PDB file of all heavy atoms in Angstrom:
ATOM      1  N   LEU A   1      53.215 -25.899  50.231  1.00  0.00           N
ATOM      2  CA  LEU A   1      52.045 -26.771  50.240  1.00  0.00           C
ATOM      3  C   LEU A   1      51.049 -26.285  51.314  1.00  0.00           C
ATOM      4  O   LEU A   1      51.434 -25.668  52.295  1.00  0.00           O
ATOM      5  CB  LEU A   1      52.453 -28.250  50.503  1.00  0.00           C
ATOM      6  CG  LEU A   1      53.396 -28.836  49.517  1.00  0.00           C
ATOM      7  CD1 LEU A   1      53.549 -30.287  49.869  1.00  0.00           C
ATOM      8  CD2 LEU A   1      52.940 -28.642  48.070  1.00  0.00           C
ATOM      9  N   THR A   2      49.789 -26.644  51.206  1.00  0.00           N
ATOM     10  CA  THR A   2      48.778 -26.309  52.188  1.00  0.00           C
ATOM     11  C   THR A   2      47.708 -27.334  52.278  1.00  0.00           C
ATOM     12  O   THR A   2      47.406 -28.010  51.240  1.00  0.00           O
ATOM     13  CB  THR A   2      48.104 -24.892  51.882  1.00  0.00           C
ATOM     14  OG1 THR A   2      47.131 -24.675  52.866  1.00  0.00           O
ATOM     15  CG2 THR A   2      47.441 -24.999  50.467  1.00  0.00           C
ATOM     16  N   PHE A   3      47.155 -27.561  53.503  1.00  0.00           N
ATOM     17  CA  PHE A   3      46.052 -28.465  53.694  1.00  0.00           C
ATOM     18  C   PHE A   3      44.700 -27.660  53.698  1.00  0.00           C
ATOM     19  O   PHE A   3      43.700 -28.386  53.837  1.00  0.00           O
ATOM     20  CB  PHE A   3      46.262 -29.217  54.927  1.00  0.00           C
ATOM     21  CG  PHE A   3      47.114 -30.412  54.863  1.00  0.00           C
ATOM     22  CD1 PHE A   3      48.518 -30.242  55.127  1.00  0.00           C
ATOM     23  CD2 PHE A   3      46.710 -31.623  54.470  1.00  0.00           C
ATOM     24  CE1 PHE A   3      49.397 -31.284  55.018  1.00  0.00           C
ATOM     25  CE2 PHE A   3      47.576 -32.745  54.304  1.00  0.00           C
ATOM     26  CZ  PHE A   3      48.932 -32.511  54.637  1.00  0.00           C
ATOM     27  N   GLN A   4      44.712 -26.409  53.568  1.00  0.00           N
ATOM     28  CA  GLN A   4      43.514 -25.675  53.584  1.00  0.00           C
ATOM     29  C   GLN A   4      43.232 -25.150  52.164  1.00  0.00           C
ATOM     30  O   GLN A   4      44.116 -24.896  51.414  1.00  0.00           O
ATOM     31  CB  GLN A   4      43.587 -24.466  54.514  1.00  0.00           C
ATOM     32  CG  GLN A   4      43.682 -24.863  55.933  1.00  0.00           C
ATOM     33  CD  GLN A   4      43.700 -23.748  56.912  1.00  0.00           C
ATOM     34  OE1 GLN A   4      42.949 -22.783  56.646  1.00  0.00           O
ATOM     35  NE2 GLN A   4      44.265 -23.863  58.000  1.00  0.00           N
ATOM     36  N   LYS A   5      41.900 -25.012  51.853  1.00  0.00           N
ATOM     37  CA  LYS A   5      41.572 -24.636  50.528  1.00  0.00           C
ATOM     38  C   LYS A   5      42.083 -23.243  50.237  1.00  0.00           C
ATOM     39  O   LYS A   5      41.894 -22.313  50.934  1.00  0.00           O
ATOM     40  CB  LYS A   5      39.982 -24.581  50.394  1.00  0.00           C
ATOM     41  CG  LYS A   5      39.509 -24.335  48.998  1.00  0.00           C
ATOM     42  CD  LYS A   5      38.014 -24.414  48.941  1.00  0.00           C
ATOM     43  CE  LYS A   5      37.477 -24.165  47.556  1.00  0.00           C
ATOM     44  NZ  LYS A   5      36.023 -24.313  47.422  1.00  0.00           N
ATOM     45  N   ALA A   6      42.886 -23.134  49.155  1.00  0.00           N
ATOM     46  CA  ALA A   6      43.543 -21.934  48.811  1.00  0.00           C
ATOM     47  C   ALA A   6      42.582 -20.938  48.204  1.00  0.00           C
ATOM     48  O   ALA A   6      41.695 -21.213  47.405  1.00  0.00           O
ATOM     49  CB  ALA A   6      44.739 -22.201  47.885  1.00  0.00           C
ATOM     50  N   GLY A   7      42.829 -19.613  48.493  1.00  0.00           N
ATOM     51  CA  GLY A   7      42.054 -18.553  47.923  1.00  0.00           C
ATOM     52  C   GLY A   7      42.906 -17.823  46.914  1.00  0.00           C
ATOM     53  O   GLY A   7      42.638 -17.735  45.749  1.00  0.00           O
ATOM     54  N   ASP A   8      43.961 -17.279  47.410  1.00  0.00           N
ATOM     55  CA  ASP A   8      44.939 -16.524  46.560  1.00  0.00           C
ATOM     56  C   ASP A   8      46.049 -17.353  45.873  1.00  0.00           C
ATOM     57  O   ASP A   8      46.380 -18.383  46.474  1.00  0.00           O
ATOM     58  CB  ASP A   8      45.577 -15.350  47.389  1.00  0.00           C
ATOM     59  CG  ASP A   8      44.553 -14.455  47.895  1.00  0.00           C
ATOM     60  OD1 ASP A   8      43.516 -14.208  47.269  1.00  0.00           O
ATOM     61  OD2 ASP A   8      44.776 -13.904  49.131  1.00  0.00           O
ATOM     62  N   GLN A   9      46.494 -16.956  44.830  1.00  0.00           N
ATOM     63  CA  GLN A   9      47.664 -17.663  44.197  1.00  0.00           C
ATOM     64  C   GLN A   9      48.906 -17.573  45.102  1.00  0.00           C
ATOM     65  O   GLN A   9      49.243 -16.486  45.496  1.00  0.00           O
ATOM     66  CB  GLN A   9      47.956 -17.026  42.823  1.00  0.00           C
ATOM     67  CG  GLN A   9      48.968 -17.817  42.002  1.00  0.00           C
ATOM     68  CD  GLN A   9      48.413 -19.250  41.583  1.00  0.00           C
ATOM     69  OE1 GLN A   9      47.269 -19.505  41.463  1.00  0.00           O
ATOM     70  NE2 GLN A   9      49.374 -20.120  41.335  1.00  0.00           N
ATOM     71  N   PRO A  10      49.536 -18.664  45.408  1.00  0.00           N
ATOM     72  CA  PRO A  10      50.661 -18.630  46.296  1.00  0.00           C
ATOM     73  C   PRO A  10      51.897 -17.943  45.610  1.00  0.00           C
ATOM     74  O   PRO A  10      51.946 -17.872  44.397  1.00  0.00           O
ATOM     75  CB  PRO A  10      51.009 -20.097  46.569  1.00  0.00           C
ATOM     76  CG  PRO A  10      50.399 -20.827  45.400  1.00  0.00           C
ATOM     77  CD  PRO A  10      49.192 -20.028  45.008  1.00  0.00           C
ATOM     78  N   ILE A  11      52.733 -17.420  46.486  1.00  0.00           N
ATOM     79  CA  ILE A  11      53.982 -16.780  45.904  1.00  0.00           C
ATOM     80  C   ILE A  11      55.015 -17.833  45.589  1.00  0.00           C
ATOM     81  O   ILE A  11      55.358 -18.634  46.480  1.00  0.00           O
ATOM     82  CB  ILE A  11      54.494 -15.787  46.889  1.00  0.00           C
ATOM     83  CG1 ILE A  11      53.515 -14.650  47.215  1.00  0.00           C
ATOM     84  CG2 ILE A  11      55.815 -15.197  46.425  1.00  0.00           C
ATOM     85  CD1 ILE A  11      53.831 -13.672  48.319  1.00  0.00           C
ATOM     86  N   SER A  12      55.513 -17.782  44.405  1.00  0.00           N
ATOM     87  CA  SER A  12      56.566 -18.798  44.023  1.00  0.00           C
ATOM     88  C   SER A  12      57.949 -18.366  44.185  1.00  0.00           C
ATOM     89  O   SER A  12      58.173 -17.168  44.453  1.00  0.00           O
ATOM     90  CB  SER A  12      56.349 -19.116  42.535  1.00  0.00           C
ATOM     91  OG  SER A  12      56.569 -17.977  41.770  1.00  0.00           O
ATOM     92  N   ARG A  13      58.866 -19.293  44.332  1.00  0.00           N
ATOM     93  CA  ARG A  13      60.292 -19.065  44.437  1.00  0.00           C
ATOM     94  C   ARG A  13      61.094 -19.873  43.477  1.00  0.00           C
ATOM     95  O   ARG A  13      60.970 -21.091  43.466  1.00  0.00           O
ATOM     96  CB  ARG A  13      60.628 -19.401  45.878  1.00  0.00           C
ATOM     97  CG  ARG A  13      62.171 -19.305  46.300  1.00  0.00           C
ATOM     98  CD  ARG A  13      62.280 -19.411  47.780  1.00  0.00           C
ATOM     99  NE  ARG A  13      61.750 -20.638  48.273  1.00  0.00           N
ATOM    100  CZ  ARG A  13      62.337 -21.868  48.257  1.00  0.00           C
ATOM    101  NH1 ARG A  13      63.647 -21.854  47.862  1.00  0.00           N
ATOM    102  NH2 ARG A  13      61.754 -22.873  48.705  1.00  0.00           N
ATOM    103  N   ARG A  14      61.931 -19.154  42.688  1.00  0.00           N
ATOM    104  CA  ARG A  14      62.701 -19.922  41.655  1.00  0.00           C
ATOM    105  C   ARG A  14      63.889 -20.627  42.244  1.00  0.00           C
ATOM    106  O   ARG A  14      64.595 -20.065  43.082  1.00  0.00           O
ATOM    107  CB  ARG A  14      63.175 -18.926  40.526  1.00  0.00           C
ATOM    108  CG  ARG A  14      63.915 -19.585  39.437  1.00  0.00           C
ATOM    109  CD  ARG A  14      63.902 -18.901  38.121  1.00  0.00           C
ATOM    110  NE  ARG A  14      62.502 -18.779  37.641  1.00  0.00           N
ATOM    111  CZ  ARG A  14      61.882 -19.797  37.005  1.00  0.00           C
ATOM    112  NH1 ARG A  14      62.500 -20.937  36.769  1.00  0.00           N
ATOM    113  NH2 ARG A  14      60.705 -19.615  36.604  1.00  0.00           N
ATOM    114  N   VAL A  15      64.077 -21.878  41.798  1.00  0.00           N
ATOM    115  CA  VAL A  15      65.272 -22.674  42.258  1.00  0.00           C
ATOM    116  C   VAL A  15      66.124 -22.981  41.105  1.00  0.00           C
ATOM    117  O   VAL A  15      67.423 -22.889  41.339  1.00  0.00           O
ATOM    118  CB  VAL A  15      64.638 -23.956  42.879  1.00  0.00           C
ATOM    119  CG1 VAL A  15      65.842 -24.927  43.326  1.00  0.00           C
ATOM    120  CG2 VAL A  15      63.766 -23.682  44.068  1.00  0.00           C
ATOM    121  N   ILE A  16      65.642 -23.404  39.991  1.00  0.00           N
ATOM    122  CA  ILE A  16      66.513 -23.649  38.825  1.00  0.00           C
ATOM    123  C   ILE A  16      65.846 -22.934  37.616  1.00  0.00           C
ATOM    124  O   ILE A  16      64.697 -22.449  37.655  1.00  0.00           O
ATOM    125  CB  ILE A  16      66.636 -25.195  38.539  1.00  0.00           C
ATOM    126  CG1 ILE A  16      65.276 -25.789  38.384  1.00  0.00           C
ATOM    127  CG2 ILE A  16      67.449 -25.849  39.626  1.00  0.00           C
ATOM    128  CD1 ILE A  16      65.233 -27.262  38.036  1.00  0.00           C
ATOM    129  N   SER A  17      66.587 -22.906  36.591  1.00  0.00           N
ATOM    130  CA  SER A  17      66.050 -22.237  35.350  1.00  0.00           C
ATOM    131  C   SER A  17      64.954 -23.076  34.710  1.00  0.00           C
ATOM    132  O   SER A  17      64.866 -24.258  34.876  1.00  0.00           O
ATOM    133  CB  SER A  17      67.233 -22.046  34.322  1.00  0.00           C
ATOM    134  OG  SER A  17      67.610 -23.227  33.811  1.00  0.00           O
ATOM    135  N   GLU A  18      64.153 -22.408  33.859  1.00  0.00           N
ATOM    136  CA  GLU A  18      63.076 -23.056  33.167  1.00  0.00           C
ATOM    137  C   GLU A  18      63.601 -24.091  32.186  1.00  0.00           C
ATOM    138  O   GLU A  18      63.092 -25.207  32.069  1.00  0.00           O
ATOM    139  CB  GLU A  18      62.232 -22.026  32.443  1.00  0.00           C
ATOM    140  CG  GLU A  18      61.042 -22.647  31.628  1.00  0.00           C
ATOM    141  CD  GLU A  18      60.237 -21.583  30.952  1.00  0.00           C
ATOM    142  OE1 GLU A  18      60.221 -20.420  31.349  1.00  0.00           O
ATOM    143  OE2 GLU A  18      59.561 -21.905  29.971  1.00  0.00           O
ATOM    144  N   LYS A  19      64.744 -23.734  31.564  1.00  0.00           N
ATOM    145  CA  LYS A  19      65.365 -24.764  30.623  1.00  0.00           C
ATOM    146  C   LYS A  19      65.763 -26.032  31.393  1.00  0.00           C
ATOM    147  O   LYS A  19      65.528 -27.130  30.885  1.00  0.00           O
ATOM    148  CB  LYS A  19      66.566 -24.081  29.894  1.00  0.00           C
ATOM    149  CG  LYS A  19      67.174 -25.068  28.837  1.00  0.00           C
ATOM    150  CD  LYS A  19      68.339 -24.394  28.183  1.00  0.00           C
ATOM    151  CE  LYS A  19      68.914 -25.287  27.094  1.00  0.00           C
ATOM    152  NZ  LYS A  19      69.287 -26.629  27.469  1.00  0.00           N
ATOM    153  N   THR A  20      66.473 -25.840  32.533  1.00  0.00           N
ATOM    154  CA  THR A  20      66.841 -27.048  33.234  1.00  0.00           C
ATOM    155  C   THR A  20      65.684 -27.881  33.635  1.00  0.00           C
ATOM    156  O   THR A  20      65.777 -29.091  33.576  1.00  0.00           O
ATOM    157  CB  THR A  20      67.745 -26.670  34.500  1.00  0.00           C
ATOM    158  OG1 THR A  20      68.883 -25.873  34.058  1.00  0.00           O
ATOM    159  CG2 THR A  20      68.175 -27.776  35.338  1.00  0.00           C
ATOM    160  N   ALA A  21      64.692 -27.198  34.095  1.00  0.00           N
ATOM    161  CA  ALA A  21      63.473 -27.956  34.565  1.00  0.00           C
ATOM    162  C   ALA A  21      62.873 -28.790  33.383  1.00  0.00           C
ATOM    163  O   ALA A  21      62.433 -29.886  33.550  1.00  0.00           O
ATOM    164  CB  ALA A  21      62.443 -27.052  35.156  1.00  0.00           C
ATOM    165  N   ARG A  22      62.741 -28.113  32.273  1.00  0.00           N
ATOM    166  CA  ARG A  22      62.205 -28.824  31.045  1.00  0.00           C
ATOM    167  C   ARG A  22      63.114 -29.944  30.645  1.00  0.00           C
ATOM    168  O   ARG A  22      62.574 -30.999  30.158  1.00  0.00           O
ATOM    169  CB  ARG A  22      61.939 -27.790  30.012  1.00  0.00           C
ATOM    170  CG  ARG A  22      60.775 -26.898  30.290  1.00  0.00           C
ATOM    171  CD  ARG A  22      60.513 -25.861  29.156  1.00  0.00           C
ATOM    172  NE  ARG A  22      59.347 -25.033  29.422  1.00  0.00           N
ATOM    173  CZ  ARG A  22      58.093 -25.345  29.104  1.00  0.00           C
ATOM    174  NH1 ARG A  22      57.788 -26.569  28.551  1.00  0.00           N
ATOM    175  NH2 ARG A  22      57.126 -24.521  29.422  1.00  0.00           N
ATOM    176  N   ASP A  23      64.366 -29.752  30.682  1.00  0.00           N
ATOM    177  CA  ASP A  23      65.252 -30.868  30.242  1.00  0.00           C
ATOM    178  C   ASP A  23      65.190 -32.020  31.168  1.00  0.00           C
ATOM    179  O   ASP A  23      65.076 -33.218  30.699  1.00  0.00           O
ATOM    180  CB  ASP A  23      66.725 -30.356  30.279  1.00  0.00           C
ATOM    181  CG  ASP A  23      67.090 -29.450  29.137  1.00  0.00           C
ATOM    182  OD1 ASP A  23      66.312 -29.395  28.127  1.00  0.00           O
ATOM    183  OD2 ASP A  23      68.145 -28.736  29.245  1.00  0.00           O
ATOM    184  N   VAL A  24      65.140 -31.836  32.524  1.00  0.00           N
ATOM    185  CA  VAL A  24      64.958 -32.950  33.472  1.00  0.00           C
ATOM    186  C   VAL A  24      63.577 -33.575  33.312  1.00  0.00           C
ATOM    187  O   VAL A  24      63.454 -34.804  33.414  1.00  0.00           O
ATOM    188  CB  VAL A  24      65.189 -32.450  34.913  1.00  0.00           C
ATOM    189  CG1 VAL A  24      64.921 -33.609  35.845  1.00  0.00           C
ATOM    190  CG2 VAL A  24      66.587 -31.908  35.075  1.00  0.00           C
ATOM    191  N   ARG A  25      62.590 -32.771  33.079  1.00  0.00           N
ATOM    192  CA  ARG A  25      61.305 -33.316  32.852  1.00  0.00           C
ATOM    193  C   ARG A  25      61.167 -34.264  31.648  1.00  0.00           C
ATOM    194  O   ARG A  25      60.595 -35.282  31.652  1.00  0.00           O
ATOM    195  CB  ARG A  25      60.228 -32.156  32.585  1.00  0.00           C
ATOM    196  CG  ARG A  25      58.791 -32.610  32.627  1.00  0.00           C
ATOM    197  CD  ARG A  25      57.894 -31.556  32.108  1.00  0.00           C
ATOM    198  NE  ARG A  25      58.024 -30.256  32.912  1.00  0.00           N
ATOM    199  CZ  ARG A  25      57.435 -29.169  32.646  1.00  0.00           C
ATOM    200  NH1 ARG A  25      56.696 -29.052  31.529  1.00  0.00           N
ATOM    201  NH2 ARG A  25      57.617 -28.124  33.327  1.00  0.00           N
ATOM    202  N   ALA A  26      61.905 -33.880  30.584  1.00  0.00           N
ATOM    203  CA  ALA A  26      61.993 -34.744  29.389  1.00  0.00           C
ATOM    204  C   ALA A  26      62.674 -36.027  29.722  1.00  0.00           C
ATOM    205  O   ALA A  26      62.331 -37.177  29.242  1.00  0.00           O
ATOM    206  CB  ALA A  26      62.723 -34.014  28.213  1.00  0.00           C
ATOM    207  N   MET A  27      63.747 -35.985  30.539  1.00  0.00           N
ATOM    208  CA  MET A  27      64.497 -37.188  30.927  1.00  0.00           C
ATOM    209  C   MET A  27      63.521 -38.064  31.726  1.00  0.00           C
ATOM    210  O   MET A  27      63.502 -39.343  31.602  1.00  0.00           O
ATOM    211  CB  MET A  27      65.645 -36.862  31.826  1.00  0.00           C
ATOM    212  CG  MET A  27      66.729 -36.043  31.092  1.00  0.00           C
ATOM    213  SD  MET A  27      68.178 -35.655  32.198  1.00  0.00           S
ATOM    214  CE  MET A  27      68.913 -34.356  31.253  1.00  0.00           C
ATOM    215  N   MET A  28      62.737 -37.540  32.689  1.00  0.00           N
ATOM    216  CA  MET A  28      61.934 -38.295  33.549  1.00  0.00           C
ATOM    217  C   MET A  28      60.748 -38.878  32.721  1.00  0.00           C
ATOM    218  O   MET A  28      60.218 -39.915  33.226  1.00  0.00           O
ATOM    219  CB  MET A  28      61.362 -37.362  34.624  1.00  0.00           C
ATOM    220  CG  MET A  28      62.506 -36.927  35.609  1.00  0.00           C
ATOM    221  SD  MET A  28      61.912 -35.585  36.778  1.00  0.00           S
ATOM    222  CE  MET A  28      60.837 -36.485  37.750  1.00  0.00           C
ATOM    223  N   GLU A  29      60.405 -38.306  31.668  1.00  0.00           N
ATOM    224  CA  GLU A  29      59.371 -38.956  30.783  1.00  0.00           C
ATOM    225  C   GLU A  29      59.880 -40.266  30.209  1.00  0.00           C
ATOM    226  O   GLU A  29      59.073 -41.216  30.017  1.00  0.00           O
ATOM    227  CB  GLU A  29      58.925 -37.944  29.784  1.00  0.00           C
ATOM    228  CG  GLU A  29      57.711 -38.444  29.023  1.00  0.00           C
ATOM    229  CD  GLU A  29      57.148 -37.397  27.979  1.00  0.00           C
ATOM    230  OE1 GLU A  29      57.828 -36.361  27.792  1.00  0.00           O
ATOM    231  OE2 GLU A  29      56.082 -37.624  27.431  1.00  0.00           O
ATOM    232  N   THR A  30      61.200 -40.329  29.941  1.00  0.00           N
ATOM    233  CA  THR A  30      61.661 -41.600  29.404  1.00  0.00           C
ATOM    234  C   THR A  30      61.700 -42.716  30.380  1.00  0.00           C
ATOM    235  O   THR A  30      61.728 -43.890  30.054  1.00  0.00           O
ATOM    236  CB  THR A  30      63.157 -41.422  28.874  1.00  0.00           C
ATOM    237  OG1 THR A  30      63.978 -41.159  29.978  1.00  0.00           O
ATOM    238  CG2 THR A  30      63.218 -40.229  27.906  1.00  0.00           C
TER     239      THR A  30
END
């Protein structure tokens, strides 16, 4: 996170798989 206006795209870091994230997202929608 940043409090200053971002210029470049930040570097991401993977924590869980895309499938797991989408599955939990679907649960949270309910």
